[in-house]
PDB file of all heavy atoms in Angstrom:
ATOM      1  N   LYS A   1      92.974  45.100  99.476  1.00  0.00           N
ATOM      2  CA  LYS A   1      94.142  45.042  98.592  1.00  0.00           C
ATOM      3  C   LYS A   1      93.815  45.674  97.251  1.00  0.00           C
ATOM      4  O   LYS A   1      92.654  45.794  96.867  1.00  0.00           O
ATOM      5  CB  LYS A   1      94.583  43.599  98.381  1.00  0.00           C
ATOM      6  CG  LYS A   1      95.122  42.964  99.634  1.00  0.00           C
ATOM      7  CD  LYS A   1      95.720  41.629  99.328  1.00  0.00           C
ATOM      8  CE  LYS A   1      96.365  41.085 100.598  1.00  0.00           C
ATOM      9  NZ  LYS A   1      97.130  39.896 100.324  1.00  0.00           N
ATOM     10  N   ARG A   2      94.861  46.082  96.550  1.00  0.00           N
ATOM     11  CA  ARG A   2      94.725  46.648  95.212  1.00  0.00           C
ATOM     12  C   ARG A   2      95.761  46.035  94.291  1.00  0.00           C
ATOM     13  O   ARG A   2      96.861  45.730  94.708  1.00  0.00           O
ATOM     14  CB  ARG A   2      94.937  48.165  95.231  1.00  0.00           C
ATOM     15  CG  ARG A   2      93.908  48.926  96.010  1.00  0.00           C
ATOM     16  CD  ARG A   2      92.634  49.109  95.181  1.00  0.00           C
ATOM     17  NE  ARG A   2      91.449  49.373  95.968  1.00  0.00           N
ATOM     18  CZ  ARG A   2      91.170  50.445  96.661  1.00  0.00           C
ATOM     19  NH1 ARG A   2      92.021  51.400  96.740  1.00  0.00           N
ATOM     20  NH2 ARG A   2      90.035  50.562  97.295  1.00  0.00           N
ATOM     21  N   LYS A   3      95.383  45.886  93.021  1.00  0.00           N
ATOM     22  CA  LYS A   3      96.307  45.392  92.011  1.00  0.00           C
ATOM     23  C   LYS A   3      97.045  46.556  91.389  1.00  0.00           C
ATOM     24  O   LYS A   3      96.451  47.584  91.075  1.00  0.00           O
ATOM     25  CB  LYS A   3      95.538  44.674  90.907  1.00  0.00           C
ATOM     26  CG  LYS A   3      95.649  43.203  90.960  1.00  0.00           C
ATOM     27  CD  LYS A   3      94.992  42.575  89.760  1.00  0.00           C
ATOM     28  CE  LYS A   3      95.006  41.086  89.983  1.00  0.00           C
ATOM     29  NZ  LYS A   3      94.297  40.364  88.972  1.00  0.00           N
ATOM     30  N   ILE A   4      98.344  46.392  91.197  1.00  0.00           N
ATOM     31  CA  ILE A   4      99.146  47.370  90.477  1.00  0.00           C
ATOM     32  C   ILE A   4      99.547  46.684  89.184  1.00  0.00           C
ATOM     33  O   ILE A   4     100.524  45.934  89.127  1.00  0.00           O
ATOM     34  CB  ILE A   4     100.372  47.820  91.304  1.00  0.00           C
ATOM     35  CG1 ILE A   4      99.902  48.416  92.629  1.00  0.00           C
ATOM     36  CG2 ILE A   4     101.201  48.815  90.508  1.00  0.00           C
ATOM     37  CD1 ILE A   4     101.025  48.794  93.579  1.00  0.00           C
ATOM     38  N   ASN A   5      98.744  46.920  88.152  1.00  0.00           N
ATOM     39  CA  ASN A   5      98.919  46.212  86.885  1.00  0.00           C
ATOM     40  C   ASN A   5     100.279  46.447  86.257  1.00  0.00           C
ATOM     41  O   ASN A   5     100.862  45.542  85.673  1.00  0.00           O
ATOM     42  CB  ASN A   5      97.807  46.574  85.913  1.00  0.00           C
ATOM     43  CG  ASN A   5      96.467  46.034  86.368  1.00  0.00           C
ATOM     44  OD1 ASN A   5      96.389  44.956  86.940  1.00  0.00           O
ATOM     45  ND2 ASN A   5      95.418  46.795  86.135  1.00  0.00           N
ATOM     46  N   LYS A   6     100.782  47.681  86.346  1.00  0.00           N
ATOM     47  CA  LYS A   6     102.079  47.994  85.735  1.00  0.00           C
ATOM     48  C   LYS A   6     103.191  47.127  86.314  1.00  0.00           C
ATOM     49  O   LYS A   6     104.151  46.800  85.634  1.00  0.00           O
ATOM     50  CB  LYS A   6     102.447  49.463  85.975  1.00  0.00           C
ATOM     51  CG  LYS A   6     101.649  50.436  85.169  1.00  0.00           C
ATOM     52  CD  LYS A   6     102.136  51.850  85.437  1.00  0.00           C
ATOM     53  CE  LYS A   6     101.329  52.875  84.697  1.00  0.00           C
ATOM     54  NZ  LYS A   6     101.806  54.232  84.983  1.00  0.00           N
ATOM     55  N   LEU A   7     103.072  46.773  87.596  1.00  0.00           N
ATOM     56  CA  LEU A   7     104.104  45.979  88.249  1.00  0.00           C
ATOM     57  C   LEU A   7     103.740  44.502  88.333  1.00  0.00           C
ATOM     58  O   LEU A   7     104.574  43.683  88.715  1.00  0.00           O
ATOM     59  CB  LEU A   7     104.360  46.524  89.668  1.00  0.00           C
ATOM     60  CG  LEU A   7     104.811  47.980  89.753  1.00  0.00           C
ATOM     61  CD1 LEU A   7     104.956  48.399  91.210  1.00  0.00           C
ATOM     62  CD2 LEU A   7     106.121  48.183  89.021  1.00  0.00           C
ATOM     63  N   GLY A   8     102.488  44.173  88.035  1.00  0.00           N
ATOM     64  CA  GLY A   8     102.046  42.781  88.097  1.00  0.00           C
ATOM     65  C   GLY A   8     101.972  42.235  89.512  1.00  0.00           C
ATOM     66  O   GLY A   8     102.229  41.055  89.733  1.00  0.00           O
ATOM     67  N   ILE A   9     101.625  43.115  90.468  1.00  0.00           N
ATOM     68  CA  ILE A   9     101.526  42.678  91.869  1.00  0.00           C
ATOM     69  C   ILE A   9     100.210  43.120  92.479  1.00  0.00           C
ATOM     70  O   ILE A   9      99.502  43.966  91.942  1.00  0.00           O
ATOM     71  CB  ILE A   9     102.693  43.235  92.731  1.00  0.00           C
ATOM     72  CG1 ILE A   9     102.662  44.757  92.756  1.00  0.00           C
ATOM     73  CG2 ILE A   9     104.024  42.726  92.234  1.00  0.00           C
ATOM     74  CD1 ILE A   9     103.632  45.373  93.752  1.00  0.00           C
ATOM     75  N   GLU A  10      99.886  42.530  93.618  1.00  0.00           N
ATOM     76  CA  GLU A  10      98.748  42.925  94.429  1.00  0.00           C
ATOM     77  C   GLU A  10      99.282  43.233  95.819  1.00  0.00           C
ATOM     78  O   GLU A  10     100.050  42.457  96.379  1.00  0.00           O
ATOM     79  CB  GLU A  10      97.722  41.798  94.499  1.00  0.00           C
ATOM     80  CG  GLU A  10      96.446  42.172  95.194  1.00  0.00           C
ATOM     81  CD  GLU A  10      95.419  41.069  95.125  1.00  0.00           C
ATOM     82  OE1 GLU A  10      95.050  40.672  94.012  1.00  0.00           O
ATOM     83  OE2 GLU A  10      95.013  40.599  96.197  1.00  0.00           O
ATOM     84  N   THR A  11      98.906  44.376  96.366  1.00  0.00           N
ATOM     85  CA  THR A  11      99.431  44.777  97.663  1.00  0.00           C
ATOM     86  C   THR A  11      98.326  45.358  98.528  1.00  0.00           C
ATOM     87  O   THR A  11      97.285  45.776  98.021  1.00  0.00           O
ATOM     88  CB  THR A  11     100.576  45.805  97.487  1.00  0.00           C
ATOM     89  OG1 THR A  11     101.140  46.099  98.758  1.00  0.00           O
ATOM     90  CG2 THR A  11     100.098  47.087  96.864  1.00  0.00           C
ATOM     91  N   SER A  12      98.555  45.376  99.824  1.00  0.00           N
ATOM     92  CA  SER A  12      97.587  46.000 100.718  1.00  0.00           C
ATOM     93  C   SER A  12      97.629  47.505 100.503  1.00  0.00           C
ATOM     94  O   SER A  12      98.593  48.056  99.967  1.00  0.00           O
ATOM     95  CB  SER A  12      97.918  45.672 102.172  1.00  0.00           C
ATOM     96  OG  SER A  12      99.063  46.391 102.579  1.00  0.00           O
ATOM     97  N   LEU A  13      96.574  48.199 100.907  1.00  0.00           N
ATOM     98  CA  LEU A  13      96.530  49.649 100.746  1.00  0.00           C
ATOM     99  C   LEU A  13      97.642  50.327 101.526  1.00  0.00           C
ATOM    100  O   LEU A  13      98.076  51.419 101.189  1.00  0.00           O
ATOM    101  CB  LEU A  13      95.176  50.196 101.186  1.00  0.00           C
ATOM    102  CG  LEU A  13      94.005  49.787 100.313  1.00  0.00           C
ATOM    103  CD1 LEU A  13      92.710  50.367 100.853  1.00  0.00           C
ATOM    104  CD2 LEU A  13      94.209  50.223  98.886  1.00  0.00           C
ATOM    105  N   LEU A  14      98.133  49.679 102.557  1.00  0.00           N
ATOM    106  CA  LEU A  14      99.222  50.246 103.350  1.00  0.00           C
ATOM    107  C   LEU A  14     100.583  49.924 102.757  1.00  0.00           C
ATOM    108  O   LEU A  14     101.592  50.418 103.217  1.00  0.00           O
ATOM    109  CB  LEU A  14      99.165  49.708 104.787  1.00  0.00           C
ATOM    110  CG  LEU A  14      97.901  50.037 105.563  1.00  0.00           C
ATOM    111  CD1 LEU A  14      97.951  49.351 106.935  1.00  0.00           C
ATOM    112  CD2 LEU A  14      97.703  51.517 105.718  1.00  0.00           C
ATOM    113  N   GLY A  15     100.616  49.114 101.709  1.00  0.00           N
ATOM    114  CA  GLY A  15     101.866  48.621 101.162  1.00  0.00           C
ATOM    115  C   GLY A  15     102.728  49.655 100.462  1.00  0.00           C
ATOM    116  O   GLY A  15     103.903  49.423 100.237  1.00  0.00           O
ATOM    117  N   PHE A  16     102.190  50.804 100.101  1.00  0.00           N
ATOM    118  CA  PHE A  16     102.979  51.783  99.369  1.00  0.00           C
ATOM    119  C   PHE A  16     104.051  52.412 100.242  1.00  0.00           C
ATOM    120  O   PHE A  16     105.090  52.819  99.751  1.00  0.00           O
ATOM    121  CB  PHE A  16     102.082  52.865  98.771  1.00  0.00           C
ATOM    122  CG  PHE A  16     102.853  53.876  97.969  1.00  0.00           C
ATOM    123  CD1 PHE A  16     103.390  53.538  96.736  1.00  0.00           C
ATOM    124  CD2 PHE A  16     103.065  55.143  98.449  1.00  0.00           C
ATOM    125  CE1 PHE A  16     104.120  54.458  96.000  1.00  0.00           C
ATOM    126  CE2 PHE A  16     103.787  56.066  97.724  1.00  0.00           C
ATOM    127  CZ  PHE A  16     104.309  55.725  96.499  1.00  0.00           C
ATOM    128  N   GLY A  17     103.829  52.507 101.526  1.00  0.00           N
ATOM    129  CA  GLY A  17     104.821  53.117 102.403  1.00  0.00           C
ATOM    130  C   GLY A  17     104.684  54.626 102.446  1.00  0.00           C
ATOM    131  O   GLY A  17     105.617  55.355 102.162  1.00  0.00           O
ATOM    132  N   CYS A  18     103.518  55.094 102.771  1.00  0.00           N
ATOM    133  CA  CYS A  18     103.226  56.528 102.733  1.00  0.00           C
ATOM    134  C   CYS A  18     104.066  57.344 103.712  1.00  0.00           C
ATOM    135  O   CYS A  18     104.145  58.565 103.574  1.00  0.00           O
ATOM    136  CB  CYS A  18     101.750  56.775 102.989  1.00  0.00           C
ATOM    137  SG  CYS A  18     100.702  56.119 101.664  1.00  0.00           S
ATOM    138  N   MET A  19     104.713  56.721 104.646  1.00  0.00           N
ATOM    139  CA  MET A  19     105.553  57.498 105.554  1.00  0.00           C
ATOM    140  C   MET A  19     106.807  57.994 104.842  1.00  0.00           C
ATOM    141  O   MET A  19     107.561  58.784 105.382  1.00  0.00           O
ATOM    142  CB  MET A  19     105.903  56.707 106.810  1.00  0.00           C
ATOM    143  CG  MET A  19     106.772  55.496 106.588  1.00  0.00           C
ATOM    144  SD  MET A  19     107.068  54.541 108.086  1.00  0.00           S
ATOM    145  CE  MET A  19     107.999  55.678 109.064  1.00  0.00           C
ATOM    146  N   ARG A  20     106.992  57.598 103.602  1.00  0.00           N
ATOM    147  CA  ARG A  20     108.142  58.040 102.814  1.00  0.00           C
ATOM    148  C   ARG A  20     107.794  59.208 101.894  1.00  0.00           C
ATOM    149  O   ARG A  20     108.588  59.607 101.079  1.00  0.00           O
ATOM    150  CB  ARG A  20     108.697  56.885 101.980  1.00  0.00           C
ATOM    151  CG  ARG A  20     109.189  55.739 102.821  1.00  0.00           C
ATOM    152  CD  ARG A  20     110.442  56.139 103.593  1.00  0.00           C
ATOM    153  NE  ARG A  20     110.934  55.014 104.361  1.00  0.00           N
ATOM    154  CZ  ARG A  20     111.189  55.063 105.644  1.00  0.00           C
ATOM    155  NH1 ARG A  20     111.021  56.169 106.319  1.00  0.00           N
ATOM    156  NH2 ARG A  20     111.632  54.016 106.266  1.00  0.00           N
ATOM    157  N   PHE A  21     106.592  59.742 102.008  1.00  0.00           N
ATOM    158  CA  PHE A  21     106.232  60.906 101.202  1.00  0.00           C
ATOM    159  C   PHE A  21     107.120  62.083 101.583  1.00  0.00           C
ATOM    160  O   PHE A  21     107.514  62.234 102.733  1.00  0.00           O
ATOM    161  CB  PHE A  21     104.783  61.307 101.422  1.00  0.00           C
ATOM    162  CG  PHE A  21     103.771  60.464 100.695  1.00  0.00           C
ATOM    163  CD1 PHE A  21     102.483  60.395 101.160  1.00  0.00           C
ATOM    164  CD2 PHE A  21     104.088  59.766  99.550  1.00  0.00           C
ATOM    165  CE1 PHE A  21     101.528  59.648 100.498  1.00  0.00           C
ATOM    166  CE2 PHE A  21     103.148  59.014  98.876  1.00  0.00           C
ATOM    167  CZ  PHE A  21     101.865  58.960  99.359  1.00  0.00           C
ATOM    168  N   PRO A  22     107.430  62.946 100.613  1.00  0.00           N
ATOM    169  CA  PRO A  22     108.260  64.120 100.901  1.00  0.00           C
ATOM    170  C   PRO A  22     107.532  65.087 101.838  1.00  0.00           C
ATOM    171  O   PRO A  22     106.349  65.362 101.654  1.00  0.00           O
ATOM    172  CB  PRO A  22     108.498  64.750  99.530  1.00  0.00           C
ATOM    173  CG  PRO A  22     107.506  64.143  98.614  1.00  0.00           C
ATOM    174  CD  PRO A  22     107.054  62.867  99.209  1.00  0.00           C
ATOM    175  N   VAL A  23     108.251  65.567 102.826  1.00  0.00           N
ATOM    176  CA  VAL A  23     107.665  66.454 103.844  1.00  0.00           C
ATOM    177  C   VAL A  23     108.468  67.743 103.912  1.00  0.00           C
ATOM    178  O   VAL A  23     109.692  67.735 103.819  1.00  0.00           O
ATOM    179  CB  VAL A  23     107.672  65.760 105.232  1.00  0.00           C
ATOM    180  CG1 VAL A  23     107.151  66.694 106.314  1.00  0.00           C
ATOM    181  CG2 VAL A  23     106.865  64.485 105.194  1.00  0.00           C
ATOM    182  N   LYS A  24     107.744  68.847 104.068  1.00  0.00           N
ATOM    183  CA  LYS A  24     108.381  70.148 104.252  1.00  0.00           C
ATOM    184  C   LYS A  24     107.624  70.879 105.352  1.00  0.00           C
ATOM    185  O   LYS A  24     106.397  70.982 105.301  1.00  0.00           O
ATOM    186  CB  LYS A  24     108.353  70.948 102.953  1.00  0.00           C
ATOM    187  CG  LYS A  24     109.072  72.276 103.061  1.00  0.00           C
ATOM    188  CD  LYS A  24     109.111  72.976 101.720  1.00  0.00           C
ATOM    189  CE  LYS A  24     109.889  74.262 101.843  1.00  0.00           C
ATOM    190  NZ  LYS A  24     109.970  74.952 100.548  1.00  0.00           N
ATOM    191  N   ASP A  25     108.357  71.368 106.323  1.00  0.00           N
ATOM    192  CA  ASP A  25     107.755  72.073 107.464  1.00  0.00           C
ATOM    193  C   ASP A  25     106.693  71.231 108.167  1.00  0.00           C
ATOM    194  O   ASP A  25     105.659  71.737 108.591  1.00  0.00           O
ATOM    195  CB  ASP A  25     107.158  73.419 107.026  1.00  0.00           C
ATOM    196  CG  ASP A  25     108.197  74.366 106.457  1.00  0.00           C
ATOM    197  OD1 ASP A  25     109.350  74.340 106.952  1.00  0.00           O
ATOM    198  OD2 ASP A  25     107.868  75.121 105.524  1.00  0.00           O
ATOM    199  N   GLY A  26     106.919  69.915 108.230  1.00  0.00           N
ATOM    200  CA  GLY A  26     106.015  69.020 108.946  1.00  0.00           C
ATOM    201  C   GLY A  26     104.766  68.628 108.183  1.00  0.00           C
ATOM    202  O   GLY A  26     103.900  67.952 108.726  1.00  0.00           O
ATOM    203  N   LYS A  27     104.645  69.040 106.917  1.00  0.00           N
ATOM    204  CA  LYS A  27     103.464  68.709 106.124  1.00  0.00           C
ATOM    205  C   LYS A  27     103.889  68.006 104.839  1.00  0.00           C
ATOM    206  O   LYS A  27     104.929  68.317 104.262  1.00  0.00           O
ATOM    207  CB  LYS A  27     102.686  69.976 105.762  1.00  0.00           C
ATOM    208  CG  LYS A  27     102.093  70.663 106.970  1.00  0.00           C
ATOM    209  CD  LYS A  27     101.280  71.862 106.553  1.00  0.00           C
ATOM    210  CE  LYS A  27     100.705  72.523 107.806  1.00  0.00           C
ATOM    211  NZ  LYS A  27      99.945  73.716 107.462  1.00  0.00           N
ATOM    212  N   ILE A  28     103.060  67.073 104.398  1.00  0.00           N
ATOM    213  CA  ILE A  28     103.337  66.348 103.158  1.00  0.00           C
ATOM    214  C   ILE A  28     103.243  67.312 101.981  1.00  0.00           C
ATOM    215  O   ILE A  28     102.286  68.074 101.871  1.00  0.00           O
ATOM    216  CB  ILE A  28     102.351  65.181 102.965  1.00  0.00           C
ATOM    217  CG1 ILE A  28     102.591  64.110 104.021  1.00  0.00           C
ATOM    218  CG2 ILE A  28     102.466  64.582 101.560  1.00  0.00           C
ATOM    219  CD1 ILE A  28     101.587  62.988 103.996  1.00  0.00           C
ATOM    220  N   GLU A  29     104.250  67.278 101.109  1.00  0.00           N
ATOM    221  CA  GLU A  29     104.217  68.066  99.872  1.00  0.00           C
ATOM    222  C   GLU A  29     103.321  67.323  98.887  1.00  0.00           C
ATOM    223  O   GLU A  29     103.741  66.373  98.230  1.00  0.00           O
ATOM    224  CB  GLU A  29     105.622  68.238  99.315  1.00  0.00           C
ATOM    225  CG  GLU A  29     106.508  69.105 100.185  1.00  0.00           C
ATOM    226  CD  GLU A  29     107.843  69.384  99.525  1.00  0.00           C
ATOM    227  OE1 GLU A  29     107.904  69.531  98.292  1.00  0.00           O
ATOM    228  OE2 GLU A  29     108.826  69.446 100.276  1.00  0.00           O
ATOM    229  N   GLU A  30     102.079  67.761  98.793  1.00  0.00           N
ATOM    230  CA  GLU A  30     101.063  67.030  98.041  1.00  0.00           C
ATOM    231  C   GLU A  30     101.396  66.889  96.557  1.00  0.00           C
ATOM    232  O   GLU A  30     101.160  65.835  95.967  1.00  0.00           O
ATOM    233  CB  GLU A  30      99.698  67.676  98.237  1.00  0.00           C
ATOM    234  CG  GLU A  30      99.197  67.513  99.662  1.00  0.00           C
ATOM    235  CD  GLU A  30      97.798  68.060  99.848  1.00  0.00           C
ATOM    236  OE1 GLU A  30      97.022  68.106  98.876  1.00  0.00           O
ATOM    237  OE2 GLU A  30      97.482  68.429 100.988  1.00  0.00           O
ATOM    238  N   ASN A  31     101.950  67.908  95.939  1.00  0.00           N
ATOM    239  CA  ASN A  31     102.284  67.807  94.512  1.00  0.00           C
ATOM    240  C   ASN A  31     103.333  66.732  94.264  1.00  0.00           C
ATOM    241  O   ASN A  31     103.220  65.943  93.330  1.00  0.00           O
ATOM    242  CB  ASN A  31     102.770  69.152  93.970  1.00  0.00           C
ATOM    243  CG  ASN A  31     101.660  70.164  93.844  1.00  0.00           C
ATOM    244  OD1 ASN A  31     100.507  69.816  93.700  1.00  0.00           O
ATOM    245  ND2 ASN A  31     102.015  71.438  93.899  1.00  0.00           N
ATOM    246  N   GLU A  32     104.342  66.702  95.100  1.00  0.00           N
ATOM    247  CA  GLU A  32     105.404  65.688  94.938  1.00  0.00           C
ATOM    248  C   GLU A  32     104.865  64.299  95.257  1.00  0.00           C
ATOM    249  O   GLU A  32     105.212  63.326  94.577  1.00  0.00           O
ATOM    250  CB  GLU A  32     106.593  66.024  95.834  1.00  0.00           C
ATOM    251  CG  GLU A  32     107.333  67.277  95.417  1.00  0.00           C
ATOM    252  CD  GLU A  32     107.898  67.180  94.009  1.00  0.00           C
ATOM    253  OE1 GLU A  32     108.504  66.154  93.665  1.00  0.00           O
ATOM    254  OE2 GLU A  32     107.729  68.156  93.259  1.00  0.00           O
ATOM    255  N   ALA A  33     104.037  64.185  96.281  1.00  0.00           N
ATOM    256  CA  ALA A  33     103.456  62.892  96.633  1.00  0.00           C
ATOM    257  C   ALA A  33     102.573  62.377  95.493  1.00  0.00           C
ATOM    258  O   ALA A  33     102.602  61.183  95.162  1.00  0.00           O
ATOM    259  CB  ALA A  33     102.651  62.998  97.923  1.00  0.00           C
ATOM    260  N   SER A  34     101.824  63.267  94.856  1.00  0.00           N
ATOM    261  CA  SER A  34     100.962  62.866  93.719  1.00  0.00           C
ATOM    262  C   SER A  34     101.807  62.322  92.576  1.00  0.00           C
ATOM    263  O   SER A  34     101.437  61.335  91.951  1.00  0.00           O
ATOM    264  CB  SER A  34     100.148  64.058  93.237  1.00  0.00           C
ATOM    265  OG  SER A  34      99.178  64.403  94.179  1.00  0.00           O
ATOM    266  N   LYS A  35     102.935  62.966  92.309  1.00  0.00           N
ATOM    267  CA  LYS A  35     103.824  62.483  91.249  1.00  0.00           C
ATOM    268  C   LYS A  35     104.318  61.081  91.553  1.00  0.00           C
ATOM    269  O   LYS A  35     104.425  60.230  90.660  1.00  0.00           O
ATOM    270  CB  LYS A  35     105.012  63.427  91.097  1.00  0.00           C
ATOM    271  CG  LYS A  35     104.653  64.754  90.489  1.00  0.00           C
ATOM    272  CD  LYS A  35     105.889  65.648  90.427  1.00  0.00           C
ATOM    273  CE  LYS A  35     105.557  67.072  90.054  1.00  0.00           C
ATOM    274  NZ  LYS A  35     106.721  67.956  90.107  1.00  0.00           N
ATOM    275  N   MET A  36     104.637  60.822  92.820  1.00  0.00           N
ATOM    276  CA  MET A  36     105.098  59.486  93.212  1.00  0.00           C
ATOM    277  C   MET A  36     104.027  58.448  92.970  1.00  0.00           C
ATOM    278  O   MET A  36     104.297  57.355  92.460  1.00  0.00           O
ATOM    279  CB  MET A  36     105.510  59.479  94.693  1.00  0.00           C
ATOM    280  CG  MET A  36     106.746  60.285  94.989  1.00  0.00           C
ATOM    281  SD  MET A  36     107.037  60.460  96.758  1.00  0.00           S
ATOM    282  CE  MET A  36     107.485  58.777  97.191  1.00  0.00           C
ATOM    283  N   LEU A  37     102.789  58.771  93.346  1.00  0.00           N
ATOM    284  CA  LEU A  37     101.684  57.820  93.192  1.00  0.00           C
ATOM    285  C   LEU A  37     101.343  57.574  91.731  1.00  0.00           C
ATOM    286  O   LEU A  37     100.927  56.480  91.368  1.00  0.00           O
ATOM    287  CB  LEU A  37     100.457  58.324  93.950  1.00  0.00           C
ATOM    288  CG  LEU A  37     100.568  58.284  95.460  1.00  0.00           C
ATOM    289  CD1 LEU A  37      99.415  59.035  96.102  1.00  0.00           C
ATOM    290  CD2 LEU A  37     100.627  56.854  95.959  1.00  0.00           C
ATOM    291  N   GLU A  38     101.507  58.580  90.900  1.00  0.00           N
ATOM    292  CA  GLU A  38     101.215  58.426  89.470  1.00  0.00           C
ATOM    293  C   GLU A  38     102.176  57.467  88.783  1.00  0.00           C
ATOM    294  O   GLU A  38     101.840  56.906  87.745  1.00  0.00           O
ATOM    295  CB  GLU A  38     101.239  59.779  88.780  1.00  0.00           C
ATOM    296  CG  GLU A  38     100.068  60.658  89.159  1.00  0.00           C
ATOM    297  CD  GLU A  38     100.186  62.083  88.654  1.00  0.00           C
ATOM    298  OE1 GLU A  38     101.158  62.405  87.946  1.00  0.00           O
ATOM    299  OE2 GLU A  38      99.294  62.876  88.978  1.00  0.00           O
ATOM    300  N   LYS A  39     103.349  57.263  89.365  1.00  0.00           N
ATOM    301  CA  LYS A  39     104.340  56.364  88.762  1.00  0.00           C
ATOM    302  C   LYS A  39     103.981  54.899  88.914  1.00  0.00           C
ATOM    303  O   LYS A  39     104.474  54.061  88.191  1.00  0.00           O
ATOM    304  CB  LYS A  39     105.719  56.623  89.354  1.00  0.00           C
ATOM    305  CG  LYS A  39     106.298  57.909  88.867  1.00  0.00           C
ATOM    306  CD  LYS A  39     107.720  58.065  89.312  1.00  0.00           C
ATOM    307  CE  LYS A  39     108.293  59.341  88.747  1.00  0.00           C
ATOM    308  NZ  LYS A  39     109.728  59.421  88.944  1.00  0.00           N
ATOM    309  N   ILE A  40     103.123  54.567  89.875  1.00  0.00           N
ATOM    310  CA  ILE A  40     102.797  53.146  90.073  1.00  0.00           C
ATOM    311  C   ILE A  40     101.527  52.745  89.401  1.00  0.00           C
ATOM    312  O   ILE A  40     100.715  53.397  88.998  1.00  0.00           O
ATOM    313  CB  ILE A  40     102.752  52.743  91.561  1.00  0.00           C
ATOM    314  CG1 ILE A  40     101.693  53.523  92.296  1.00  0.00           C
ATOM    315  CG2 ILE A  40     104.094  52.926  92.187  1.00  0.00           C
ATOM    316  CD1 ILE A  40     101.418  53.009  93.661  1.00  0.00           C
TER     317      ILE A  40
END
């Protein structure tokens, strides 16, 4: 598990829901996914 201090929660590593990352042509758009992760 990891703590997300900004949100005041603790979640499993699978808790982010990575299947919701933006995809183009069957591949994860890494720049957009990084922006999403930086928000938490």
